[in-house]
Structure formats: C-alpha cells, structure tokens
N, C-alpha and C. Protein backbone atom coordinates (compact mmCIF):
# COMPACT_ATOMS: atom_id res chain seq x y z
N MET A 1 -1.19 -17.04 -15.44
CA MET A 1 0.00 -16.55 -14.80
C MET A 1 0.54 -17.63 -13.86
N LYS A 2 1.84 -17.75 -13.81
CA LYS A 2 2.44 -18.75 -12.94
C LYS A 2 2.25 -18.36 -11.48
N LYS A 3 2.32 -19.36 -10.63
CA LYS A 3 2.17 -19.14 -9.19
C LYS A 3 3.27 -18.21 -8.68
N THR A 4 4.48 -18.33 -9.21
CA THR A 4 5.60 -17.49 -8.78
C THR A 4 5.32 -16.03 -9.09
N ASN A 5 4.78 -15.74 -10.27
CA ASN A 5 4.45 -14.36 -10.63
C ASN A 5 3.37 -13.81 -9.72
N SER A 6 2.38 -14.61 -9.41
CA SER A 6 1.31 -14.17 -8.52
C SER A 6 1.84 -13.85 -7.14
N ASN A 7 2.73 -14.70 -6.65
CA ASN A 7 3.33 -14.45 -5.33
C ASN A 7 4.18 -13.19 -5.34
N LEU A 8 4.91 -12.97 -6.41
CA LEU A 8 5.75 -11.78 -6.52
C LEU A 8 4.89 -10.51 -6.56
N ILE A 9 3.83 -10.54 -7.32
CA ILE A 9 2.93 -9.39 -7.39
C ILE A 9 2.30 -9.12 -6.03
N PHE A 10 1.83 -10.18 -5.38
CA PHE A 10 1.21 -10.01 -4.06
C PHE A 10 2.21 -9.46 -3.05
N ALA A 11 3.43 -10.00 -3.04
CA ALA A 11 4.45 -9.53 -2.10
C ALA A 11 4.82 -8.07 -2.36
N THR A 12 4.90 -7.69 -3.62
CA THR A 12 5.23 -6.31 -3.96
C THR A 12 4.13 -5.35 -3.51
N VAL A 13 2.89 -5.69 -3.81
CA VAL A 13 1.76 -4.84 -3.41
C VAL A 13 1.68 -4.76 -1.89
N LEU A 14 1.88 -5.89 -1.22
CA LEU A 14 1.82 -5.91 0.24
C LEU A 14 2.90 -5.04 0.86
N SER A 15 4.13 -5.14 0.36
CA SER A 15 5.22 -4.34 0.93
C SER A 15 5.03 -2.85 0.69
N LEU A 16 4.57 -2.48 -0.50
CA LEU A 16 4.31 -1.06 -0.77
C LEU A 16 3.16 -0.54 0.09
N THR A 17 2.15 -1.36 0.28
CA THR A 17 1.00 -0.95 1.10
C THR A 17 1.40 -0.78 2.56
N LEU A 18 2.15 -1.74 3.09
CA LEU A 18 2.59 -1.64 4.48
C LEU A 18 3.55 -0.47 4.68
N GLY A 19 4.44 -0.25 3.73
CA GLY A 19 5.37 0.87 3.83
C GLY A 19 4.67 2.21 3.81
N SER A 20 3.72 2.36 2.91
CA SER A 20 3.00 3.63 2.84
C SER A 20 2.08 3.82 4.04
N GLY A 21 1.51 2.74 4.54
CA GLY A 21 0.69 2.83 5.74
C GLY A 21 1.51 3.22 6.96
N GLY A 22 2.71 2.67 7.06
CA GLY A 22 3.60 3.04 8.15
C GLY A 22 4.04 4.49 8.07
N ALA A 23 4.35 4.95 6.87
CA ALA A 23 4.73 6.35 6.69
C ALA A 23 3.57 7.28 7.04
N ALA A 24 2.37 6.91 6.62
CA ALA A 24 1.20 7.73 6.92
C ALA A 24 0.94 7.77 8.42
N LEU A 25 1.08 6.64 9.08
CA LEU A 25 0.87 6.58 10.52
C LEU A 25 1.90 7.43 11.26
N HIS A 26 3.15 7.34 10.82
CA HIS A 26 4.22 8.13 11.45
C HIS A 26 3.97 9.63 11.26
N LEU A 27 3.66 10.03 10.05
CA LEU A 27 3.43 11.46 9.79
C LEU A 27 2.18 11.96 10.50
N ALA A 28 1.16 11.14 10.56
CA ALA A 28 -0.09 11.56 11.20
C ALA A 28 0.08 11.75 12.70
N SER A 29 1.07 11.10 13.28
CA SER A 29 1.28 11.21 14.73
C SER A 29 2.14 12.41 15.11
N GLN A 30 2.64 13.14 14.12
CA GLN A 30 3.47 14.32 14.40
C GLN A 30 2.57 15.49 14.81
N PRO A 31 3.06 16.31 15.76
CA PRO A 31 2.22 17.44 16.21
C PRO A 31 1.96 18.49 15.13
N THR A 32 2.97 18.81 14.35
CA THR A 32 2.81 19.77 13.26
C THR A 32 3.54 19.24 12.03
N LEU A 33 3.02 19.59 10.87
CA LEU A 33 3.62 19.15 9.61
C LEU A 33 3.90 20.36 8.73
N THR A 34 4.99 20.27 7.98
CA THR A 34 5.26 21.29 6.98
C THR A 34 4.36 21.02 5.77
N GLU A 35 4.38 21.93 4.83
CA GLU A 35 3.57 21.74 3.62
C GLU A 35 4.02 20.51 2.85
N ALA A 36 5.33 20.31 2.77
CA ALA A 36 5.86 19.14 2.05
C ALA A 36 5.47 17.84 2.75
N GLN A 37 5.52 17.84 4.08
CA GLN A 37 5.13 16.64 4.83
C GLN A 37 3.65 16.34 4.66
N THR A 38 2.85 17.38 4.57
CA THR A 38 1.41 17.18 4.36
C THR A 38 1.15 16.54 3.00
N LYS A 39 1.90 16.97 1.98
CA LYS A 39 1.75 16.37 0.65
C LYS A 39 2.17 14.91 0.66
N VAL A 40 3.27 14.60 1.37
CA VAL A 40 3.71 13.21 1.47
C VAL A 40 2.68 12.38 2.22
N LEU A 41 2.11 12.94 3.28
CA LEU A 41 1.07 12.24 4.03
C LEU A 41 -0.13 11.93 3.14
N ASN A 42 -0.58 12.89 2.38
CA ASN A 42 -1.72 12.67 1.48
C ASN A 42 -1.41 11.60 0.43
N SER A 43 -0.18 11.62 -0.09
CA SER A 43 0.22 10.60 -1.07
C SER A 43 0.29 9.22 -0.43
N ALA A 44 0.82 9.15 0.79
CA ALA A 44 0.92 7.87 1.49
C ALA A 44 -0.46 7.30 1.79
N ILE A 45 -1.39 8.15 2.18
CA ILE A 45 -2.76 7.68 2.45
C ILE A 45 -3.41 7.17 1.17
N ALA A 46 -3.19 7.89 0.07
CA ALA A 46 -3.76 7.46 -1.22
C ALA A 46 -3.17 6.12 -1.65
N LEU A 47 -1.85 5.95 -1.50
CA LEU A 47 -1.20 4.70 -1.88
C LEU A 47 -1.66 3.56 -0.98
N TRP A 48 -1.81 3.82 0.31
CA TRP A 48 -2.29 2.80 1.24
C TRP A 48 -3.71 2.36 0.86
N THR A 49 -4.56 3.31 0.54
CA THR A 49 -5.94 3.00 0.16
C THR A 49 -5.98 2.16 -1.12
N THR A 50 -5.20 2.57 -2.10
CA THR A 50 -5.14 1.83 -3.36
C THR A 50 -4.57 0.43 -3.15
N GLY A 51 -3.51 0.34 -2.35
CA GLY A 51 -2.90 -0.95 -2.07
C GLY A 51 -3.83 -1.90 -1.34
N THR A 52 -4.56 -1.37 -0.38
CA THR A 52 -5.51 -2.20 0.37
C THR A 52 -6.60 -2.74 -0.56
N THR A 53 -7.09 -1.89 -1.42
CA THR A 53 -8.10 -2.32 -2.39
C THR A 53 -7.53 -3.39 -3.33
N THR A 54 -6.30 -3.20 -3.76
CA THR A 54 -5.66 -4.15 -4.66
C THR A 54 -5.45 -5.50 -3.97
N ILE A 55 -5.01 -5.47 -2.72
CA ILE A 55 -4.81 -6.72 -1.97
C ILE A 55 -6.13 -7.48 -1.85
N LEU A 56 -7.19 -6.76 -1.53
CA LEU A 56 -8.50 -7.42 -1.43
C LEU A 56 -8.91 -8.02 -2.78
N GLY A 57 -8.61 -7.32 -3.86
CA GLY A 57 -8.91 -7.85 -5.18
C GLY A 57 -8.08 -9.07 -5.51
N LEU A 58 -6.80 -9.05 -5.13
CA LEU A 58 -5.94 -10.21 -5.39
C LEU A 58 -6.37 -11.42 -4.57
N LEU A 59 -6.78 -11.18 -3.34
CA LEU A 59 -7.22 -12.29 -2.50
C LEU A 59 -8.56 -12.86 -2.96
N GLY A 60 -9.35 -12.04 -3.63
CA GLY A 60 -10.66 -12.48 -4.08
C GLY A 60 -10.66 -13.21 -5.41
N THR A 61 -9.54 -13.21 -6.12
CA THR A 61 -9.50 -13.88 -7.42
C THR A 61 -9.09 -15.33 -7.26
N LYS A 62 -9.61 -16.17 -8.15
CA LYS A 62 -9.25 -17.58 -8.14
C LYS A 62 -7.99 -17.76 -8.98
N PRO A 63 -7.06 -18.58 -8.52
CA PRO A 63 -5.84 -18.81 -9.31
C PRO A 63 -6.15 -19.59 -10.59
N HIS A 64 -5.45 -19.25 -11.65
CA HIS A 64 -5.61 -19.93 -12.94
C HIS A 64 -4.44 -20.88 -13.13
N ASP A 65 -4.72 -22.06 -13.60
CA ASP A 65 -3.65 -23.04 -13.85
C ASP A 65 -3.10 -22.89 -15.24
C-alpha cells in the first residue's frame, strides 16, 4: 500500500475515534439521558473502543514498500 493510502486510513480512523470519544464523553457527562441518547452513547463507546484498537494495530504494523 502506498504511504498516502496509509496516511489516509490512519487519519480517517483517528478522526472517527476522536469524534466518537468526544460524543461519548459529552453524553456521559449529562445528568440524565433519554433512551435514544443511551443507545447513541453505547454506540459511541463501542466505536471508540474499536477505533482505539485499530489505531494500536496500525501503529504496530511495519510499513511495506
């Protein structure tokens, strides 16, 4: 894979992970949540967890020329 593609994939995963983490943090700080907000919170936490794992995997791989 080209370096540009790797950078694009990393940037995309990073932005989605940070966005979902921010949403989860915001929702978790609310005093009460509706049922819909609770579902969004659970989805954001799941996406943040998956994204964090993916970032660690991307950082752990050696680039191929």
